[in-house]
């Protein structure tokens, strides 16, 4: 067995990603697909309300909104 690099990936659903891998060994060059998916949430955030950032110590604010 040898290490493999992820070459590309795409989302199949909101919770499942399909990833293409290729073996790093030039004599092997195996290419394969894996799936990464969310099984369950431990903590799921509620509704997020955007707020202005706290002023920096210099009294200025970051402009990000």
PDB file of N, CA and C in Angstrom:
ATOM      1  N   UNK A   1       0.841  -1.186   0.000  1.00  0.00           N
ATOM      2  CA  UNK A   1       0.000   0.000   0.000  1.00  0.00           C
ATOM      3  C   UNK A   1       0.876   1.236   0.000  1.00  0.00           C
ATOM      4  N   UNK A   2       0.417   2.259  -0.698  1.00  0.00           N
ATOM      5  CA  UNK A   2       1.145   3.513  -0.806  1.00  0.00           C
ATOM      6  C   UNK A   2       0.197   4.671  -0.516  1.00  0.00           C
ATOM      7  N   UNK A   3       0.776   5.819  -0.249  1.00  0.00           N
ATOM      8  CA  UNK A   3      -0.031   7.018  -0.010  1.00  0.00           C
ATOM      9  C   UNK A   3      -0.667   7.477  -1.320  1.00  0.00           C
ATOM     10  N   UNK A   4      -1.784   8.183  -1.205  1.00  0.00           N
ATOM     11  CA  UNK A   4      -2.475   8.698  -2.389  1.00  0.00           C
ATOM     12  C   UNK A   4      -2.816  10.166  -2.178  1.00  0.00           C
ATOM     13  N   UNK A   5      -2.841  10.910  -3.269  1.00  0.00           N
ATOM     14  CA  UNK A   5      -3.238  12.319  -3.247  1.00  0.00           C
ATOM     15  C   UNK A   5      -4.692  12.431  -3.687  1.00  0.00           C
ATOM     16  N   UNK A   6      -5.433  13.347  -3.063  1.00  0.00           N
ATOM     17  CA  UNK A   6      -6.774  13.671  -3.541  1.00  0.00           C
ATOM     18  C   UNK A   6      -6.599  14.601  -4.733  1.00  0.00           C
ATOM     19  N   UNK A   7      -7.136  14.233  -5.876  1.00  0.00           N
ATOM     20  CA  UNK A   7      -6.967  15.024  -7.093  1.00  0.00           C
ATOM     21  C   UNK A   7      -8.090  16.040  -7.265  1.00  0.00           C
ATOM     22  N   UNK A   8      -9.297  15.650  -6.980  1.00  0.00           N
ATOM     23  CA  UNK A   8     -10.441  16.551  -7.121  1.00  0.00           C
ATOM     24  C   UNK A   8     -11.577  16.018  -6.251  1.00  0.00           C
ATOM     25  N   UNK A   9     -12.561  16.862  -5.993  1.00  0.00           N
ATOM     26  CA  UNK A   9     -13.716  16.425  -5.215  1.00  0.00           C
ATOM     27  C   UNK A   9     -14.932  17.245  -5.609  1.00  0.00           C
ATOM     28  N   UNK A  10     -16.098  16.713  -5.280  1.00  0.00           N
ATOM     29  CA  UNK A  10     -17.351  17.430  -5.534  1.00  0.00           C
ATOM     30  C   UNK A  10     -18.388  16.956  -4.528  1.00  0.00           C
ATOM     31  N   UNK A  11     -19.328  17.840  -4.220  1.00  0.00           N
ATOM     32  CA  UNK A  11     -20.410  17.472  -3.314  1.00  0.00           C
ATOM     33  C   UNK A  11     -21.484  16.729  -4.092  1.00  0.00           C
ATOM     34  N   UNK A  12     -21.874  15.574  -3.575  1.00  0.00           N
ATOM     35  CA  UNK A  12     -22.962  14.782  -4.144  1.00  0.00           C
ATOM     36  C   UNK A  12     -24.282  15.261  -3.543  1.00  0.00           C
ATOM     37  N   UNK A  13     -24.283  15.498  -2.230  1.00  0.00           N
ATOM     38  CA  UNK A  13     -25.424  16.066  -1.508  1.00  0.00           C
ATOM     39  C   UNK A  13     -24.863  17.105  -0.542  1.00  0.00           C
ATOM     40  N   UNK A  14     -25.719  17.713   0.260  1.00  0.00           N
ATOM     41  CA  UNK A  14     -25.265  18.690   1.259  1.00  0.00           C
ATOM     42  C   UNK A  14     -24.351  18.059   2.306  1.00  0.00           C
ATOM     43  N   UNK A  15     -24.447  16.745   2.479  1.00  0.00           N
ATOM     44  CA  UNK A  15     -23.680  16.083   3.537  1.00  0.00           C
ATOM     45  C   UNK A  15     -22.699  15.028   3.029  1.00  0.00           C
ATOM     46  N   UNK A  16     -22.584  14.846   1.711  1.00  0.00           N
ATOM     47  CA  UNK A  16     -21.689  13.821   1.157  1.00  0.00           C
ATOM     48  C   UNK A  16     -20.798  14.398   0.067  1.00  0.00           C
ATOM     49  N   UNK A  17     -19.501  14.130   0.205  1.00  0.00           N
ATOM     50  CA  UNK A  17     -18.520  14.585  -0.776  1.00  0.00           C
ATOM     51  C   UNK A  17     -17.871  13.374  -1.445  1.00  0.00           C
ATOM     52  N   UNK A  18     -17.793  13.402  -2.772  1.00  0.00           N
ATOM     53  CA  UNK A  18     -17.101  12.371  -3.540  1.00  0.00           C
ATOM     54  C   UNK A  18     -15.704  12.893  -3.852  1.00  0.00           C
ATOM     55  N   UNK A  19     -14.688  12.083  -3.566  1.00  0.00           N
ATOM     56  CA  UNK A  19     -13.300  12.527  -3.745  1.00  0.00           C
ATOM     57  C   UNK A  19     -12.538  11.511  -4.593  1.00  0.00           C
ATOM     58  N   UNK A  20     -11.815  12.007  -5.599  1.00  0.00           N
ATOM     59  CA  UNK A  20     -10.995  11.168  -6.471  1.00  0.00           C
ATOM     60  C   UNK A  20      -9.551  11.204  -5.982  1.00  0.00           C
ATOM     61  N   UNK A  21      -8.926  10.035  -5.861  1.00  0.00           N
ATOM     62  CA  UNK A  21      -7.551   9.920  -5.371  1.00  0.00           C
ATOM     63  C   UNK A  21      -6.687   9.217  -6.413  1.00  0.00           C
ATOM     64  N   UNK A  22      -5.380   9.507  -6.358  1.00  0.00           N
ATOM     65  CA  UNK A  22      -4.433   8.818  -7.229  1.00  0.00           C
ATOM     66  C   UNK A  22      -3.209   8.431  -6.412  1.00  0.00           C
ATOM     67  N   UNK A  23      -2.754   7.197  -6.583  1.00  0.00           N
ATOM     68  CA  UNK A  23      -1.591   6.677  -5.869  1.00  0.00           C
ATOM     69  C   UNK A  23      -0.352   7.489  -6.228  1.00  0.00           C
ATOM     70  N   UNK A  24       0.500   7.751  -5.234  1.00  0.00           N
ATOM     71  CA  UNK A  24       1.725   8.520  -5.450  1.00  0.00           C
ATOM     72  C   UNK A  24       2.837   7.679  -6.064  1.00  0.00           C
ATOM     73  N   UNK A  25       2.741   6.371  -5.974  1.00  0.00           N
ATOM     74  CA  UNK A  25       3.764   5.487  -6.527  1.00  0.00           C
ATOM     75  C   UNK A  25       3.620   5.462  -8.050  1.00  0.00           C
ATOM     76  N   UNK A  26       4.661   5.905  -8.783  1.00  0.00           N
ATOM     77  CA  UNK A  26       4.584   5.971 -10.249  1.00  0.00           C
ATOM     78  C   UNK A  26       4.413   4.591 -10.881  1.00  0.00           C
ATOM     79  N   UNK A  27       4.823   3.533 -10.199  1.00  0.00           N
ATOM     80  CA  UNK A  27       4.659   2.179 -10.736  1.00  0.00           C
ATOM     81  C   UNK A  27       3.254   1.631 -10.500  1.00  0.00           C
ATOM     82  N   UNK A  28       2.483   2.312  -9.686  1.00  0.00           N
ATOM     83  CA  UNK A  28       1.129   1.857  -9.363  1.00  0.00           C
ATOM     84  C   UNK A  28       0.086   2.693 -10.110  1.00  0.00           C
ATOM     85  N   UNK A  29       0.035   3.979  -9.821  1.00  0.00           N
ATOM     86  CA  UNK A  29      -0.906   4.926 -10.438  1.00  0.00           C
ATOM     87  C   UNK A  29      -2.368   4.522 -10.290  1.00  0.00           C
ATOM     88  N   UNK A  30      -2.705   3.773  -9.242  1.00  0.00           N
ATOM     89  CA  UNK A  30      -4.108   3.413  -9.008  1.00  0.00           C
ATOM     90  C   UNK A  30      -4.920   4.682  -8.783  1.00  0.00           C
ATOM     91  N   UNK A  31      -6.113   4.710  -9.322  1.00  0.00           N
ATOM     92  CA  UNK A  31      -7.029   5.828  -9.134  1.00  0.00           C
ATOM     93  C   UNK A  31      -8.305   5.259  -8.526  1.00  0.00           C
ATOM     94  N   UNK A  32      -8.827   5.925  -7.492  1.00  0.00           N
ATOM     95  CA  UNK A  32     -10.018   5.403  -6.826  1.00  0.00           C
ATOM     96  C   UNK A  32     -10.848   6.551  -6.269  1.00  0.00           C
ATOM     97  N   UNK A  33     -12.076   6.246  -5.907  1.00  0.00           N
ATOM     98  CA  UNK A  33     -13.036   7.227  -5.401  1.00  0.00           C
ATOM     99  C   UNK A  33     -13.388   6.875  -3.963  1.00  0.00           C
ATOM    100  N   UNK A  34     -13.473   7.911  -3.110  1.00  0.00           N
ATOM    101  CA  UNK A  34     -13.952   7.725  -1.742  1.00  0.00           C
ATOM    102  C   UNK A  34     -15.137   8.656  -1.510  1.00  0.00           C
ATOM    103  N   UNK A  35     -15.927   8.344  -0.495  1.00  0.00           N
ATOM    104  CA  UNK A  35     -17.049   9.186  -0.104  1.00  0.00           C
ATOM    105  C   UNK A  35     -16.869   9.600   1.341  1.00  0.00           C
ATOM    106  N   UNK A  36     -17.059  10.878   1.597  1.00  0.00           N
ATOM    107  CA  UNK A  36     -16.991  11.424   2.955  1.00  0.00           C
ATOM    108  C   UNK A  36     -18.371  11.990   3.260  1.00  0.00           C
ATOM    109  N   UNK A  37     -18.967  11.545   4.361  1.00  0.00           N
ATOM    110  CA  UNK A  37     -20.310  12.036   4.671  1.00  0.00           C
ATOM    111  C   UNK A  37     -20.472  12.299   6.161  1.00  0.00           C
ATOM    112  N   UNK A  38     -21.379  13.198   6.468  1.00  0.00           N
ATOM    113  CA  UNK A  38     -21.720  13.519   7.851  1.00  0.00           C
ATOM    114  C   UNK A  38     -22.673  12.435   8.341  1.00  0.00           C
ATOM    115  N   UNK A  39     -22.329  11.799   9.451  1.00  0.00           N
ATOM    116  CA  UNK A  39     -23.173  10.747  10.021  1.00  0.00           C
ATOM    117  C   UNK A  39     -24.186  11.317  11.005  1.00  0.00           C
ATOM    118  N   UNK A  40     -23.727  12.240  11.860  1.00  0.00           N
ATOM    119  CA  UNK A  40     -24.615  12.881  12.832  1.00  0.00           C
ATOM    120  C   UNK A  40     -23.923  14.129  13.370  1.00  0.00           C
ATOM    121  N   UNK A  41     -24.710  15.030  13.899  1.00  0.00           N
ATOM    122  CA  UNK A  41     -24.181  16.247  14.510  1.00  0.00           C
ATOM    123  C   UNK A  41     -24.029  16.036  16.008  1.00  0.00           C
ATOM    124  N   UNK A  42     -22.942  16.522  16.564  1.00  0.00           N
ATOM    125  CA  UNK A  42     -22.766  16.523  18.014  1.00  0.00           C
ATOM    126  C   UNK A  42     -23.431  17.777  18.562  1.00  0.00           C
ATOM    127  N   UNK A  43     -23.143  18.911  17.944  1.00  0.00           N
ATOM    128  CA  UNK A  43     -23.790  20.182  18.265  1.00  0.00           C
ATOM    129  C   UNK A  43     -24.109  20.852  16.942  1.00  0.00           C
ATOM    130  N   UNK A  44     -25.329  21.320  16.789  1.00  0.00           N
ATOM    131  CA  UNK A  44     -25.729  21.994  15.557  1.00  0.00           C
ATOM    132  C   UNK A  44     -26.100  23.428  15.912  1.00  0.00           C
ATOM    133  N   UNK A  45     -25.474  24.416  15.253  1.00  0.00           N
ATOM    134  CA  UNK A  45     -25.758  25.803  15.607  1.00  0.00           C
ATOM    135  C   UNK A  45     -27.196  26.186  15.262  1.00  0.00           C
ATOM    136  N   UNK A  46     -27.703  27.126  16.039  1.00  0.00           N
ATOM    137  CA  UNK A  46     -29.028  27.653  15.759  1.00  0.00           C
ATOM    138  C   UNK A  46     -28.931  28.731  14.690  1.00  0.00           C
ATOM    139  N   UNK A  47     -29.954  29.553  14.600  1.00  0.00           N
ATOM    140  CA  UNK A  47     -29.954  30.644  13.628  1.00  0.00           C
ATOM    141  C   UNK A  47     -28.891  31.668  14.008  1.00  0.00           C
ATOM    142  N   UNK A  48     -28.109  32.105  13.034  1.00  0.00           N
ATOM    143  CA  UNK A  48     -27.030  33.055  13.277  1.00  0.00           C
ATOM    144  C   UNK A  48     -27.476  34.440  12.834  1.00  0.00           C
ATOM    145  N   UNK A  49     -27.344  35.413  13.725  1.00  0.00           N
ATOM    146  CA  UNK A  49     -27.679  36.798  13.417  1.00  0.00           C
ATOM    147  C   UNK A  49     -26.387  37.593  13.308  1.00  0.00           C
ATOM    148  N   UNK A  50     -26.152  38.203  12.154  1.00  0.00           N
ATOM    149  CA  UNK A  50     -24.929  38.989  11.952  1.00  0.00           C
ATOM    150  C   UNK A  50     -24.966  40.240  12.828  1.00  0.00           C
ATOM    151  N   UNK A  51     -23.843  40.548  13.443  1.00  0.00           N
ATOM    152  CA  UNK A  51     -23.714  41.748  14.274  1.00  0.00           C
ATOM    153  C   UNK A  51     -22.442  42.486  13.883  1.00  0.00           C
ATOM    154  N   UNK A  52     -22.373  43.752  14.245  1.00  0.00           N
ATOM    155  CA  UNK A  52     -21.168  44.533  13.970  1.00  0.00           C
ATOM    156  C   UNK A  52     -20.039  44.022  14.856  1.00  0.00           C
ATOM    157  N   UNK A  53     -18.803  44.018  14.343  1.00  0.00           N
ATOM    158  CA  UNK A  53     -17.678  43.547  15.160  1.00  0.00           C
ATOM    159  C   UNK A  53     -17.366  44.521  16.281  1.00  0.00           C
ATOM    160  N   UNK A  54     -16.736  44.018  17.342  1.00  0.00           N
ATOM    161  CA  UNK A  54     -16.294  44.869  18.440  1.00  0.00           C
ATOM    162  C   UNK A  54     -15.208  45.809  17.943  1.00  0.00           C
ATOM    163  N   UNK A  55     -15.147  47.029  18.466  1.00  0.00           N
ATOM    164  CA  UNK A  55     -14.075  47.936  18.057  1.00  0.00           C
ATOM    165  C   UNK A  55     -12.713  47.368  18.471  1.00  0.00           C
ATOM    166  N   UNK A  56     -11.710  47.626  17.649  1.00  0.00           N
ATOM    167  CA  UNK A  56     -10.346  47.228  17.982  1.00  0.00           C
ATOM    168  C   UNK A  56      -9.812  48.159  19.058  1.00  0.00           C
ATOM    169  N   UNK A  57      -8.733  47.785  19.760  1.00  0.00           N
ATOM    170  CA  UNK A  57      -8.167  48.658  20.798  1.00  0.00           C
ATOM    171  C   UNK A  57      -7.851  50.070  20.285  1.00  0.00           C
ATOM    172  N   UNK A  58      -7.563  50.196  18.991  1.00  0.00           N
ATOM    173  CA  UNK A  58      -7.243  51.515  18.421  1.00  0.00           C
ATOM    174  C   UNK A  58      -8.498  52.354  18.187  1.00  0.00           C
ATOM    175  N   UNK A  59      -9.683  51.770  18.419  1.00  0.00           N
ATOM    176  CA  UNK A  59     -10.931  52.497  18.229  1.00  0.00           C
ATOM    177  C   UNK A  59     -11.521  52.318  16.841  1.00  0.00           C
ATOM    178  N   UNK A  60     -10.789  51.670  15.931  1.00  0.00           N
ATOM    179  CA  UNK A  60     -11.280  51.445  14.577  1.00  0.00           C
ATOM    180  C   UNK A  60     -12.016  50.111  14.515  1.00  0.00           C
ATOM    181  N   UNK A  61     -12.843  49.969  13.489  1.00  0.00           N
ATOM    182  CA  UNK A  61     -13.574  48.723  13.298  1.00  0.00           C
ATOM    183  C   UNK A  61     -13.177  48.090  11.973  1.00  0.00           C
ATOM    184  N   UNK A  62     -13.280  46.769  11.905  1.00  0.00           N
ATOM    185  CA  UNK A  62     -13.016  46.043  10.669  1.00  0.00           C
ATOM    186  C   UNK A  62     -14.260  46.145   9.798  1.00  0.00           C
ATOM    187  N   UNK A  63     -14.092  46.491   8.532  1.00  0.00           N
ATOM    188  CA  UNK A  63     -15.217  46.588   7.602  1.00  0.00           C
ATOM    189  C   UNK A  63     -15.357  45.254   6.874  1.00  0.00           C
ATOM    190  N   UNK A  64     -16.327  44.416   7.273  1.00  0.00           N
ATOM    191  CA  UNK A  64     -16.474  43.111   6.643  1.00  0.00           C
ATOM    192  C   UNK A  64     -17.906  42.821   6.218  1.00  0.00           C
ATOM    193  N   UNK A  65     -18.840  43.631   6.589  1.00  0.00           N
ATOM    194  CA  UNK A  65     -20.235  43.345   6.267  1.00  0.00           C
ATOM    195  C   UNK A  65     -20.559  43.898   4.961  1.00  0.00           C
TER     196      UNK A  65
END
